[in-house]
C-alpha atoms as a PDB file:
ATOM      1  CA  UNK A   1       4.563   3.312 -33.136  1.00  0.00           C
ATOM      2  CA  UNK A   2       8.063   1.947 -33.646  1.00  0.00           C
ATOM      3  CA  UNK A   3      10.552   1.483 -30.824  1.00  0.00           C
ATOM      4  CA  UNK A   4      12.349   4.746 -31.727  1.00  0.00           C
ATOM      5  CA  UNK A   5       9.112   6.751 -31.760  1.00  0.00           C
ATOM      6  CA  UNK A   6       8.015   5.982 -28.214  1.00  0.00           C
ATOM      7  CA  UNK A   7       7.624   8.886 -25.828  1.00  0.00           C
ATOM      8  CA  UNK A   8       9.857   9.275 -22.805  1.00  0.00           C
ATOM      9  CA  UNK A   9       6.916   8.240 -20.641  1.00  0.00           C
ATOM     10  CA  UNK A  10       6.435   4.999 -22.558  1.00  0.00           C
ATOM     11  CA  UNK A  11      10.135   4.163 -22.350  1.00  0.00           C
ATOM     12  CA  UNK A  12      10.208   4.779 -18.589  1.00  0.00           C
ATOM     13  CA  UNK A  13       6.966   2.840 -18.081  1.00  0.00           C
ATOM     14  CA  UNK A  14       8.418  -0.132 -19.942  1.00  0.00           C
ATOM     15  CA  UNK A  15      11.596   0.005 -17.855  1.00  0.00           C
ATOM     16  CA  UNK A  16       9.541   0.068 -14.655  1.00  0.00           C
ATOM     17  CA  UNK A  17       7.389  -2.853 -15.801  1.00  0.00           C
ATOM     18  CA  UNK A  18      10.507  -4.857 -16.655  1.00  0.00           C
ATOM     19  CA  UNK A  19      12.011  -4.082 -13.240  1.00  0.00           C
ATOM     20  CA  UNK A  20       8.788  -5.136 -11.490  1.00  0.00           C
ATOM     21  CA  UNK A  21       8.725  -8.425 -13.391  1.00  0.00           C
ATOM     22  CA  UNK A  22      12.373  -9.119 -12.575  1.00  0.00           C
ATOM     23  CA  UNK A  23      11.714  -8.276  -8.918  1.00  0.00           C
ATOM     24  CA  UNK A  24       8.743 -10.636  -8.850  1.00  0.00           C
ATOM     25  CA  UNK A  25      10.807 -13.461 -10.358  1.00  0.00           C
ATOM     26  CA  UNK A  26      13.541 -12.858  -7.758  1.00  0.00           C
ATOM     27  CA  UNK A  27      11.057 -12.830  -4.870  1.00  0.00           C
ATOM     28  CA  UNK A  28       9.457 -16.053  -6.083  1.00  0.00           C
ATOM     29  CA  UNK A  29      12.885 -17.698  -6.269  1.00  0.00           C
ATOM     30  CA  UNK A  30      13.859 -16.548  -2.760  1.00  0.00           C
ATOM     31  CA  UNK A  31      10.512 -17.702  -1.366  1.00  0.00           C
ATOM     32  CA  UNK A  32      10.774 -21.147  -2.940  1.00  0.00           C
ATOM     33  CA  UNK A  33      14.385 -21.622  -1.809  1.00  0.00           C
ATOM     34  CA  UNK A  34      13.528 -20.648   1.768  1.00  0.00           C
ATOM     35  CA  UNK A  35      10.535 -22.982   1.778  1.00  0.00           C
ATOM     36  CA  UNK A  36      12.556 -25.815   0.248  1.00  0.00           C
ATOM     37  CA  UNK A  37      15.261 -25.361   2.892  1.00  0.00           C
ATOM     38  CA  UNK A  38      12.726 -26.277   5.556  1.00  0.00           C
ATOM     39  CA  UNK A  39      11.246 -22.925   6.406  1.00  0.00           C
ATOM     40  CA  UNK A  40       7.575 -22.346   7.018  1.00  0.00           C
ATOM     41  CA  UNK A  41       5.477 -20.326   4.605  1.00  0.00           C
ATOM     42  CA  UNK A  42       5.654 -17.435   7.063  1.00  0.00           C
ATOM     43  CA  UNK A  43       9.449 -17.649   7.250  1.00  0.00           C
ATOM     44  CA  UNK A  44       9.772 -17.939   3.473  1.00  0.00           C
ATOM     45  CA  UNK A  45       7.532 -14.895   3.007  1.00  0.00           C
ATOM     46  CA  UNK A  46       9.678 -12.931   5.414  1.00  0.00           C
ATOM     47  CA  UNK A  47      12.859 -13.991   3.596  1.00  0.00           C
ATOM     48  CA  UNK A  48      11.388 -12.882   0.255  1.00  0.00           C
ATOM     49  CA  UNK A  49       9.857  -9.689   1.642  1.00  0.00           C
ATOM     50  CA  UNK A  50       6.342 -10.601   0.524  1.00  0.00           C
ATOM     51  CA  UNK A  51       2.903 -11.099   2.035  1.00  0.00           C
ATOM     52  CA  UNK A  52       1.202 -14.474   2.150  1.00  0.00           C
ATOM     53  CA  UNK A  53      -1.458 -13.117  -0.193  1.00  0.00           C
ATOM     54  CA  UNK A  54       1.217 -12.851  -2.892  1.00  0.00           C
ATOM     55  CA  UNK A  55       1.873 -16.576  -2.560  1.00  0.00           C
ATOM     56  CA  UNK A  56      -1.839 -17.353  -2.841  1.00  0.00           C
ATOM     57  CA  UNK A  57      -2.076 -15.195  -5.961  1.00  0.00           C
ATOM     58  CA  UNK A  58       0.992 -16.793  -7.552  1.00  0.00           C
ATOM     59  CA  UNK A  59      -0.368 -20.295  -6.863  1.00  0.00           C
ATOM     60  CA  UNK A  60      -3.597 -19.357  -8.656  1.00  0.00           C
ATOM     61  CA  UNK A  61      -2.066 -17.497 -11.586  1.00  0.00           C
ATOM     62  CA  UNK A  62       1.369 -19.031 -12.208  1.00  0.00           C
ATOM     63  CA  UNK A  63       1.336 -22.742 -13.041  1.00  0.00           C
ATOM     64  CA  UNK A  64       5.116 -23.065 -12.870  1.00  0.00           C
ATOM     65  CA  UNK A  65       5.247 -21.424  -9.445  1.00  0.00           C
ATOM     66  CA  UNK A  66       2.389 -23.625  -8.245  1.00  0.00           C
ATOM     67  CA  UNK A  67       4.273 -26.773  -9.261  1.00  0.00           C
ATOM     68  CA  UNK A  68       7.495 -25.558  -7.640  1.00  0.00           C
ATOM     69  CA  UNK A  69       5.555 -24.651  -4.507  1.00  0.00           C
ATOM     70  CA  UNK A  70       4.135 -28.175  -4.247  1.00  0.00           C
ATOM     71  CA  UNK A  71       7.641 -29.622  -4.586  1.00  0.00           C
ATOM     72  CA  UNK A  72       9.184 -27.214  -2.070  1.00  0.00           C
ATOM     73  CA  UNK A  73       6.707 -27.694   0.753  1.00  0.00           C
END
């Protein structure tokens, strides 16, 4: 199916997925900045509006985040 032939549902789903990805990137950035500025993991999670489990998941699944995390802490 070409871009123009997608259903309204598919278009909206893709927009939502893009928004979620952008939100995740923003939350990771806020978390890392807060941690780098001397905050604890708990404080950085609060600043980013995430749970600690998100950080654990990102460390396991996102090599770039994992490296940045090691630098920030």
